[in-house]
Amino acid sequence: MSKAKVAFDTSGFKKKIAKYLSMKADDLRPELFEFVRKSLQTASRNTPVRDYSLIRQNQLREYKKRVNCIPSSHELVDPSLRIDGRKHWLFYRGKWFNAKDWKLSDDAFAAYSILLGEHERRKQTVQAAFIKERAQARFLYRRSWLDAADDLGITMNVAQSTRNSHSRRKPQVAPPKARGHIRGGGKVLSVQITNPFLEQPSRYKNFTGKPILAAAMAAHNDQYKRNMRKRLKRIAFAKSKGK
């Protein structure tokens, strides 16, 4: 009578374990970065934009101030011109003059003429064009995620309106940029994303960026885990070099 034999060979498991022990966290970089790319892309798409009606309302006021307050509405310099309908108020040498109705001295009239010329020049930019140029900034919240992707060297697919959005403020007061930080690569590989712009309080928004990114990551987490399992399987069953 033949004998029945049951055997358990651990050599295959030992080989897999050896491969896992020898691998680096950086070997899983493609899957991790694909997860980050999709998460940032979804976060950008799900981030609300600034309310256009509020932007238009604010920019209507800005347009009027830009056209009718020469050289600036923010500071009264000498000389300055303030236009209110038919009234042209000239501030010159510390005094106000009704330039349209009063007779001015030659030097005051010369200053008024220069300021009036700048008023006419600014009027050449029509109101609709002025608002349109500034309304592009309504997509800045969405674009902030693109800054993080660029920092990480990740290519994101976003709408052109989002990609082209920019701040008209001076560089020293421009919105802080989102950043991506990569750490490790041996035992641990981590990617940290910060978006301080979306954490700042603003009359244009009632949200922050952290919940938006967390929801985006959750949406892609299952696919990320599947991709990781596939990568680990390929590593475990990869043929050794020279065999």
C-alpha atoms as a PDB file:
ATOM      1  CA  MET A   1       0.000   0.000   0.000  1.00  0.00           C
ATOM      2  CA  SER A   2       1.409   3.358  -1.018  1.00  0.00           C
ATOM      3  CA  LYS A   3       1.937   5.987   1.611  1.00  0.00           C
ATOM      4  CA  ALA A   4       0.092   9.359   1.547  1.00  0.00           C
ATOM      5  CA  LYS A   5       2.395  12.299   2.032  1.00  0.00           C
ATOM      6  CA  VAL A   6       1.504  15.906   2.899  1.00  0.00           C
ATOM      7  CA  ALA A   7       4.268  18.497   2.777  1.00  0.00           C
ATOM      8  CA  PHE A   8       4.463  22.219   3.326  1.00  0.00           C
ATOM      9  CA  ASP A   9       7.342  24.019   1.635  1.00  0.00           C
ATOM     10  CA  THR A  10       8.135  27.421   3.181  1.00  0.00           C
ATOM     11  CA  SER A  11      10.824  28.318   0.662  1.00  0.00           C
ATOM     12  CA  GLY A  12       8.376  30.263  -1.511  1.00  0.00           C
ATOM     13  CA  PHE A  13       7.191  32.314   1.430  1.00  0.00           C
ATOM     14  CA  LYS A  14      10.748  32.949   2.552  1.00  0.00           C
ATOM     15  CA  LYS A  15      11.644  34.237  -0.895  1.00  0.00           C
ATOM     16  CA  LYS A  16       8.655  36.596  -0.860  1.00  0.00           C
ATOM     17  CA  ILE A  17       9.510  37.811   2.625  1.00  0.00           C
ATOM     18  CA  ALA A  18      13.118  38.357   1.571  1.00  0.00           C
ATOM     19  CA  LYS A  19      11.972  40.469  -1.358  1.00  0.00           C
ATOM     20  CA  TYR A  20       9.670  42.511   0.872  1.00  0.00           C
ATOM     21  CA  LEU A  21      12.482  43.047   3.375  1.00  0.00           C
ATOM     22  CA  SER A  22      14.879  44.168   0.676  1.00  0.00           C
ATOM     23  CA  MET A  23      12.520  46.610  -1.026  1.00  0.00           C
ATOM     24  CA  LYS A  24      12.476  50.338  -0.301  1.00  0.00           C
ATOM     25  CA  ALA A  25       9.467  52.564   0.263  1.00  0.00           C
ATOM     26  CA  ASP A  26      10.591  54.467  -2.812  1.00  0.00           C
ATOM     27  CA  ASP A  27       9.702  51.386  -4.907  1.00  0.00           C
ATOM     28  CA  LEU A  28       6.058  52.316  -4.324  1.00  0.00           C
ATOM     29  CA  ARG A  29       6.524  55.946  -5.379  1.00  0.00           C
ATOM     30  CA  PRO A  30       4.590  55.664  -8.700  1.00  0.00           C
ATOM     31  CA  GLU A  31       1.433  54.419  -6.953  1.00  0.00           C
ATOM     32  CA  LEU A  32       1.719  56.989  -4.172  1.00  0.00           C
ATOM     33  CA  PHE A  33       2.231  59.883  -6.566  1.00  0.00           C
ATOM     34  CA  GLU A  34      -0.641  58.761  -8.784  1.00  0.00           C
ATOM     35  CA  PHE A  35      -2.852  58.790  -5.692  1.00  0.00           C
ATOM     36  CA  VAL A  36      -1.634  62.296  -4.813  1.00  0.00           C
ATOM     37  CA  ARG A  37      -2.191  63.515  -8.382  1.00  0.00           C
ATOM     38  CA  LYS A  38      -5.774  62.257  -8.511  1.00  0.00           C
ATOM     39  CA  SER A  39      -6.499  63.625  -5.041  1.00  0.00           C
ATOM     40  CA  LEU A  40      -5.201  67.096  -5.901  1.00  0.00           C
ATOM     41  CA  GLN A  41      -7.086  67.055  -9.167  1.00  0.00           C
ATOM     42  CA  THR A  42     -10.349  66.139  -7.435  1.00  0.00           C
ATOM     43  CA  ALA A  43      -9.721  68.687  -4.667  1.00  0.00           C
ATOM     44  CA  SER A  44      -9.250  71.409  -7.274  1.00  0.00           C
ATOM     45  CA  ARG A  45     -12.426  70.431  -9.114  1.00  0.00           C
ATOM     46  CA  ASN A  46     -14.453  70.330  -5.872  1.00  0.00           C
ATOM     47  CA  THR A  47     -13.154  73.634  -4.480  1.00  0.00           C
ATOM     48  CA  PRO A  48     -15.778  76.399  -4.797  1.00  0.00           C
ATOM     49  CA  VAL A  49     -14.947  79.480  -6.833  1.00  0.00           C
ATOM     50  CA  ARG A  50     -15.439  83.051  -5.719  1.00  0.00           C
ATOM     51  CA  ASP A  51     -18.940  84.385  -6.211  1.00  0.00           C
ATOM     52  CA  TYR A  52     -18.991  86.311  -9.503  1.00  0.00           C
ATOM     53  CA  SER A  53     -21.754  88.697  -8.445  1.00  0.00           C
ATOM     54  CA  LEU A  54     -19.749  89.730  -5.383  1.00  0.00           C
ATOM     55  CA  ILE A  55     -16.620  90.215  -7.483  1.00  0.00           C
ATOM     56  CA  ARG A  56     -18.580  92.276 -10.017  1.00  0.00           C
ATOM     57  CA  GLN A  57     -20.103  94.428  -7.285  1.00  0.00           C
ATOM     58  CA  ASN A  58     -16.708  95.123  -5.732  1.00  0.00           C
ATOM     59  CA  GLN A  59     -15.035  95.790  -9.068  1.00  0.00           C
ATOM     60  CA  LEU A  60     -17.743  98.239 -10.135  1.00  0.00           C
ATOM     61  CA  ARG A  61     -16.760 100.326  -7.125  1.00  0.00           C
ATOM     62  CA  GLU A  62     -13.076  99.853  -7.916  1.00  0.00           C
ATOM     63  CA  TYR A  63     -13.595 100.943 -11.520  1.00  0.00           C
ATOM     64  CA  LYS A  64     -15.359 104.132 -10.459  1.00  0.00           C
ATOM     65  CA  LYS A  65     -12.624 104.930  -7.960  1.00  0.00           C
ATOM     66  CA  ARG A  66      -9.886 104.201 -10.481  1.00  0.00           C
ATOM     67  CA  VAL A  67     -11.444 106.444 -13.141  1.00  0.00           C
ATOM     68  CA  ASN A  68     -12.635 109.278 -10.893  1.00  0.00           C
ATOM     69  CA  CYS A  69      -9.895 109.450  -8.244  1.00  0.00           C
ATOM     70  CA  ILE A  70      -6.626 110.589  -9.778  1.00  0.00           C
ATOM     71  CA  PRO A  71      -3.925 109.508  -9.104  1.00  0.00           C
ATOM     72  CA  SER A  72      -5.317 107.219  -6.359  1.00  0.00           C
ATOM     73  CA  SER A  73      -8.368 106.707  -4.172  1.00  0.00           C
ATOM     74  CA  HIS A  74      -6.228 105.250  -1.387  1.00  0.00           C
ATOM     75  CA  GLU A  75      -4.182 108.355  -0.679  1.00  0.00           C
ATOM     76  CA  LEU A  76      -4.772 112.076  -1.093  1.00  0.00           C
ATOM     77  CA  VAL A  77      -1.612 113.475  -2.643  1.00  0.00           C
ATOM     78  CA  ASP A  78      -0.982 117.020  -3.798  1.00  0.00           C
ATOM     79  CA  PRO A  79      -2.189 117.499  -6.505  1.00  0.00           C
ATOM     80  CA  SER A  80      -5.204 115.177  -6.798  1.00  0.00           C
ATOM     81  CA  LEU A  81      -8.436 115.159  -8.757  1.00  0.00           C
ATOM     82  CA  ARG A  82     -11.817 113.868  -7.592  1.00  0.00           C
ATOM     83  CA  ILE A  83     -14.615 113.719 -10.158  1.00  0.00           C
ATOM     84  CA  ASP A  84     -18.219 113.500  -9.001  1.00  0.00           C
ATOM     85  CA  GLY A  85     -20.547 113.807 -11.963  1.00  0.00           C
ATOM     86  CA  ARG A  86     -20.091 117.314 -13.336  1.00  0.00           C
ATOM     87  CA  LYS A  87     -17.999 118.418 -10.361  1.00  0.00           C
ATOM     88  CA  HIS A  88     -14.241 118.292 -10.770  1.00  0.00           C
ATOM     89  CA  TRP A  89     -12.591 118.852  -7.424  1.00  0.00           C
ATOM     90  CA  LEU A  90      -8.903 119.712  -7.598  1.00  0.00           C
ATOM     91  CA  PHE A  91      -6.742 119.424  -4.513  1.00  0.00           C
ATOM     92  CA  TYR A  92      -3.792 121.716  -5.098  1.00  0.00           C
ATOM     93  CA  ARG A  93      -1.279 123.170  -2.643  1.00  0.00           C
ATOM     94  CA  GLY A  94      -3.399 122.143   0.317  1.00  0.00           C
ATOM     95  CA  LYS A  95      -6.682 123.609  -0.951  1.00  0.00           C
ATOM     96  CA  TRP A  96      -9.742 122.337  -2.841  1.00  0.00           C
ATOM     97  CA  PHE A  97     -10.880 124.039  -6.064  1.00  0.00           C
ATOM     98  CA  ASN A  98     -13.964 123.475  -8.207  1.00  0.00           C
ATOM     99  CA  ALA A  99     -11.971 123.186 -11.416  1.00  0.00           C
ATOM    100  CA  LYS A 100     -15.008 123.159 -13.742  1.00  0.00           C
ATOM    101  CA  ASP A 101     -16.628 126.339 -12.432  1.00  0.00           C
ATOM    102  CA  TRP A 102     -13.871 128.414 -10.878  1.00  0.00           C
ATOM    103  CA  LYS A 103     -11.117 130.309 -12.572  1.00  0.00           C
ATOM    104  CA  LEU A 104      -7.809 128.686 -11.764  1.00  0.00           C
ATOM    105  CA  SER A 105      -4.324 130.127 -11.677  1.00  0.00           C
ATOM    106  CA  ASP A 106      -2.047 129.063 -14.516  1.00  0.00           C
ATOM    107  CA  ASP A 107      -0.091 126.586 -12.384  1.00  0.00           C
ATOM    108  CA  ALA A 108      -3.265 125.109 -10.874  1.00  0.00           C
ATOM    109  CA  PHE A 109      -4.811 124.764 -14.341  1.00  0.00           C
ATOM    110  CA  ALA A 110      -1.662 123.038 -15.599  1.00  0.00           C
ATOM    111  CA  ALA A 111      -1.862 120.507 -12.758  1.00  0.00           C
ATOM    112  CA  TYR A 112      -5.594 120.027 -13.425  1.00  0.00           C
ATOM    113  CA  SER A 113      -4.975 119.413 -17.137  1.00  0.00           C
ATOM    114  CA  ILE A 114      -2.450 116.658 -16.408  1.00  0.00           C
ATOM    115  CA  LEU A 115      -4.800 114.924 -13.960  1.00  0.00           C
ATOM    116  CA  LEU A 116      -7.754 115.287 -16.324  1.00  0.00           C
ATOM    117  CA  GLY A 117      -5.704 113.708 -19.099  1.00  0.00           C
ATOM    118  CA  GLU A 118      -5.034 110.690 -16.874  1.00  0.00           C
ATOM    119  CA  HIS A 119      -8.776 110.506 -16.119  1.00  0.00           C
ATOM    120  CA  GLU A 120      -9.551 110.349 -19.843  1.00  0.00           C
ATOM    121  CA  ARG A 121      -6.840 107.739 -20.404  1.00  0.00           C
ATOM    122  CA  ARG A 122      -8.258 105.459 -17.724  1.00  0.00           C
ATOM    123  CA  LYS A 123     -11.731 105.784 -19.192  1.00  0.00           C
ATOM    124  CA  GLN A 124     -10.436 104.133 -22.367  1.00  0.00           C
ATOM    125  CA  THR A 125     -10.501 100.833 -20.472  1.00  0.00           C
ATOM    126  CA  VAL A 126     -14.217 100.153 -20.609  1.00  0.00           C
ATOM    127  CA  GLN A 127     -15.980  98.990 -17.478  1.00  0.00           C
ATOM    128  CA  ALA A 128     -16.810  95.513 -18.815  1.00  0.00           C
ATOM    129  CA  ALA A 129     -13.196  94.828 -19.779  1.00  0.00           C
ATOM    130  CA  PHE A 130     -11.986  96.066 -16.382  1.00  0.00           C
ATOM    131  CA  ILE A 131     -14.312  93.678 -14.553  1.00  0.00           C
ATOM    132  CA  LYS A 132     -13.535  90.748 -16.864  1.00  0.00           C
ATOM    133  CA  GLU A 133      -9.805  91.111 -16.278  1.00  0.00           C
ATOM    134  CA  ARG A 134     -10.281  91.010 -12.527  1.00  0.00           C
ATOM    135  CA  ALA A 135     -12.999  88.349 -12.512  1.00  0.00           C
ATOM    136  CA  GLN A 136     -10.472  85.726 -13.642  1.00  0.00           C
ATOM    137  CA  ALA A 137      -9.232  85.742 -10.034  1.00  0.00           C
ATOM    138  CA  ARG A 138     -12.422  83.940  -9.003  1.00  0.00           C
ATOM    139  CA  PHE A 139     -10.646  80.647  -9.796  1.00  0.00           C
ATOM    140  CA  LEU A 140      -7.661  81.309  -7.501  1.00  0.00           C
ATOM    141  CA  TYR A 141      -8.917  78.901  -4.828  1.00  0.00           C
ATOM    142  CA  ARG A 142      -8.982  76.045  -7.322  1.00  0.00           C
ATOM    143  CA  ARG A 143      -5.623  77.032  -8.760  1.00  0.00           C
ATOM    144  CA  SER A 144      -3.949  76.877  -5.347  1.00  0.00           C
ATOM    145  CA  TRP A 145      -3.901  73.054  -5.567  1.00  0.00           C
ATOM    146  CA  LEU A 146      -2.003  73.347  -8.841  1.00  0.00           C
ATOM    147  CA  ASP A 147       0.813  75.113  -6.968  1.00  0.00           C
ATOM    148  CA  ALA A 148       1.182  72.077  -4.694  1.00  0.00           C
ATOM    149  CA  ALA A 149       1.260  69.739  -7.701  1.00  0.00           C
ATOM    150  CA  ASP A 150       3.904  71.878  -9.419  1.00  0.00           C
ATOM    151  CA  ASP A 151       5.960  71.847  -6.220  1.00  0.00           C
ATOM    152  CA  LEU A 152       5.903  68.039  -6.286  1.00  0.00           C
ATOM    153  CA  GLY A 153       6.609  67.809 -10.014  1.00  0.00           C
ATOM    154  CA  ILE A 154       3.161  66.332 -10.675  1.00  0.00           C
ATOM    155  CA  THR A 155       1.227  67.168 -13.841  1.00  0.00           C
ATOM    156  CA  MET A 156      -2.423  67.966 -13.140  1.00  0.00           C
ATOM    157  CA  ASN A 157      -5.239  68.226 -15.655  1.00  0.00           C
ATOM    158  CA  VAL A 158      -7.271  71.333 -14.824  1.00  0.00           C
ATOM    159  CA  ALA A 159      -9.522  73.686 -16.760  1.00  0.00           C
ATOM    160  CA  GLN A 160      -7.756  76.507 -18.605  1.00  0.00           C
ATOM    161  CA  SER A 161      -9.711  79.075 -16.585  1.00  0.00           C
ATOM    162  CA  THR A 162      -8.196  77.575 -13.431  1.00  0.00           C
ATOM    163  CA  ARG A 163      -4.676  77.381 -14.840  1.00  0.00           C
ATOM    164  CA  ASN A 164      -4.741  80.992 -16.091  1.00  0.00           C
ATOM    165  CA  SER A 165      -6.165  82.504 -12.908  1.00  0.00           C
ATOM    166  CA  HIS A 166      -3.773  84.915 -11.193  1.00  0.00           C
ATOM    167  CA  SER A 167      -3.720  87.571  -8.517  1.00  0.00           C
ATOM    168  CA  ARG A 168      -3.400  91.206  -9.526  1.00  0.00           C
ATOM    169  CA  ARG A 169      -1.901  92.149  -6.188  1.00  0.00           C
ATOM    170  CA  LYS A 170       1.724  93.069  -5.764  1.00  0.00           C
ATOM    171  CA  PRO A 171       4.071  90.108  -5.143  1.00  0.00           C
ATOM    172  CA  GLN A 172       4.642  91.041  -1.501  1.00  0.00           C
ATOM    173  CA  VAL A 173       0.937  90.671  -0.709  1.00  0.00           C
ATOM    174  CA  ALA A 174       0.080  87.889  -3.183  1.00  0.00           C
ATOM    175  CA  PRO A 175      -1.682  84.802  -1.740  1.00  0.00           C
ATOM    176  CA  PRO A 176       0.657  82.285  -0.096  1.00  0.00           C
ATOM    177  CA  LYS A 177       1.310  79.298  -2.326  1.00  0.00           C
ATOM    178  CA  ALA A 178       0.360  75.708  -1.551  1.00  0.00           C
ATOM    179  CA  ARG A 179       3.362  73.446  -1.092  1.00  0.00           C
ATOM    180  CA  GLY A 180       4.139  69.758  -1.376  1.00  0.00           C
ATOM    181  CA  HIS A 181       6.877  68.164   0.729  1.00  0.00           C
ATOM    182  CA  ILE A 182       8.386  64.719   0.060  1.00  0.00           C
ATOM    183  CA  ARG A 183      10.115  62.908   2.909  1.00  0.00           C
ATOM    184  CA  GLY A 184      11.938  59.605   3.168  1.00  0.00           C
ATOM    185  CA  GLY A 185      12.180  56.893   0.567  1.00  0.00           C
ATOM    186  CA  GLY A 186      13.911  54.143   2.540  1.00  0.00           C
ATOM    187  CA  LYS A 187      11.605  52.670   5.164  1.00  0.00           C
ATOM    188  CA  VAL A 188       8.981  55.406   4.846  1.00  0.00           C
ATOM    189  CA  LEU A 189       7.958  57.630   1.938  1.00  0.00           C
ATOM    190  CA  SER A 190       5.539  60.433   2.759  1.00  0.00           C
ATOM    191  CA  VAL A 191       4.018  63.392   0.923  1.00  0.00           C
ATOM    192  CA  GLN A 192       2.754  66.355   2.927  1.00  0.00           C
ATOM    193  CA  ILE A 193       0.563  69.035   1.341  1.00  0.00           C
ATOM    194  CA  THR A 194      -0.086  72.449   2.883  1.00  0.00           C
ATOM    195  CA  ASN A 195      -2.417  75.073   1.436  1.00  0.00           C
ATOM    196  CA  PRO A 196      -2.304  78.147   3.715  1.00  0.00           C
ATOM    197  CA  PHE A 197      -4.229  80.256   1.183  1.00  0.00           C
ATOM    198  CA  LEU A 198      -7.406  78.227   1.747  1.00  0.00           C
ATOM    199  CA  GLU A 199      -7.005  78.414   5.523  1.00  0.00           C
ATOM    200  CA  GLN A 200      -7.079  82.217   5.535  1.00  0.00           C
ATOM    201  CA  PRO A 201     -10.429  83.849   6.424  1.00  0.00           C
ATOM    202  CA  SER A 202     -12.012  85.785   3.561  1.00  0.00           C
ATOM    203  CA  ARG A 203     -15.316  87.440   2.751  1.00  0.00           C
ATOM    204  CA  TYR A 204     -15.287  85.429  -0.479  1.00  0.00           C
ATOM    205  CA  LYS A 205     -15.449  81.980   1.162  1.00  0.00           C
ATOM    206  CA  ASN A 206     -16.785  80.038   4.138  1.00  0.00           C
ATOM    207  CA  PHE A 207     -14.636  76.910   3.774  1.00  0.00           C
ATOM    208  CA  THR A 208     -11.079  75.685   4.281  1.00  0.00           C
ATOM    209  CA  GLY A 209      -8.938  73.369   2.203  1.00  0.00           C
ATOM    210  CA  LYS A 210      -8.292  70.515   4.649  1.00  0.00           C
ATOM    211  CA  PRO A 211     -11.794  68.937   4.470  1.00  0.00           C
ATOM    212  CA  ILE A 212     -11.793  69.286   0.680  1.00  0.00           C
ATOM    213  CA  LEU A 213      -8.477  67.453   0.329  1.00  0.00           C
ATOM    214  CA  ALA A 214      -9.510  64.810   2.883  1.00  0.00           C
ATOM    215  CA  ALA A 215     -12.700  64.066   0.910  1.00  0.00           C
ATOM    216  CA  ALA A 216     -10.735  63.899  -2.343  1.00  0.00           C
ATOM    217  CA  MET A 217      -8.240  61.447  -0.836  1.00  0.00           C
ATOM    218  CA  ALA A 218     -11.073  59.291   0.513  1.00  0.00           C
ATOM    219  CA  ALA A 219     -12.619  59.143  -2.965  1.00  0.00           C
ATOM    220  CA  HIS A 220      -9.439  57.603  -4.413  1.00  0.00           C
ATOM    221  CA  ASN A 221      -8.326  55.553  -1.405  1.00  0.00           C
ATOM    222  CA  ASP A 222      -9.796  52.204  -2.537  1.00  0.00           C
ATOM    223  CA  GLN A 223      -8.141  52.432  -5.943  1.00  0.00           C
ATOM    224  CA  TYR A 224      -4.879  53.427  -4.241  1.00  0.00           C
ATOM    225  CA  LYS A 225      -5.002  50.304  -2.040  1.00  0.00           C
ATOM    226  CA  ARG A 226      -5.702  48.078  -5.051  1.00  0.00           C
ATOM    227  CA  ASN A 227      -2.764  49.574  -6.920  1.00  0.00           C
ATOM    228  CA  MET A 228      -0.526  49.049  -3.894  1.00  0.00           C
ATOM    229  CA  ARG A 229      -1.528  45.391  -3.624  1.00  0.00           C
ATOM    230  CA  LYS A 230      -0.781  44.869  -7.305  1.00  0.00           C
ATOM    231  CA  ARG A 231       2.639  46.477  -6.917  1.00  0.00           C
ATOM    232  CA  LEU A 232       3.474  44.333  -3.891  1.00  0.00           C
ATOM    233  CA  LYS A 233       2.404  41.232  -5.787  1.00  0.00           C
ATOM    234  CA  ARG A 234       4.687  42.130  -8.697  1.00  0.00           C
ATOM    235  CA  ILE A 235       7.565  42.663  -6.281  1.00  0.00           C
ATOM    236  CA  ALA A 236       6.934  39.322  -4.567  1.00  0.00           C
ATOM    237  CA  PHE A 237       6.794  37.337  -7.809  1.00  0.00           C
ATOM    238  CA  ALA A 238       9.481  39.238  -9.715  1.00  0.00           C
ATOM    239  CA  LYS A 239      12.294  37.028 -10.973  1.00  0.00           C
ATOM    240  CA  SER A 240      15.638  37.559  -9.354  1.00  0.00           C
ATOM    241  CA  LYS A 241      18.360  39.028 -11.531  1.00  0.00           C
ATOM    242  CA  GLY A 242      20.516  36.446 -13.247  1.00  0.00           C
ATOM    243  CA  LYS A 243      17.854  33.724 -13.101  1.00  0.00           C
END
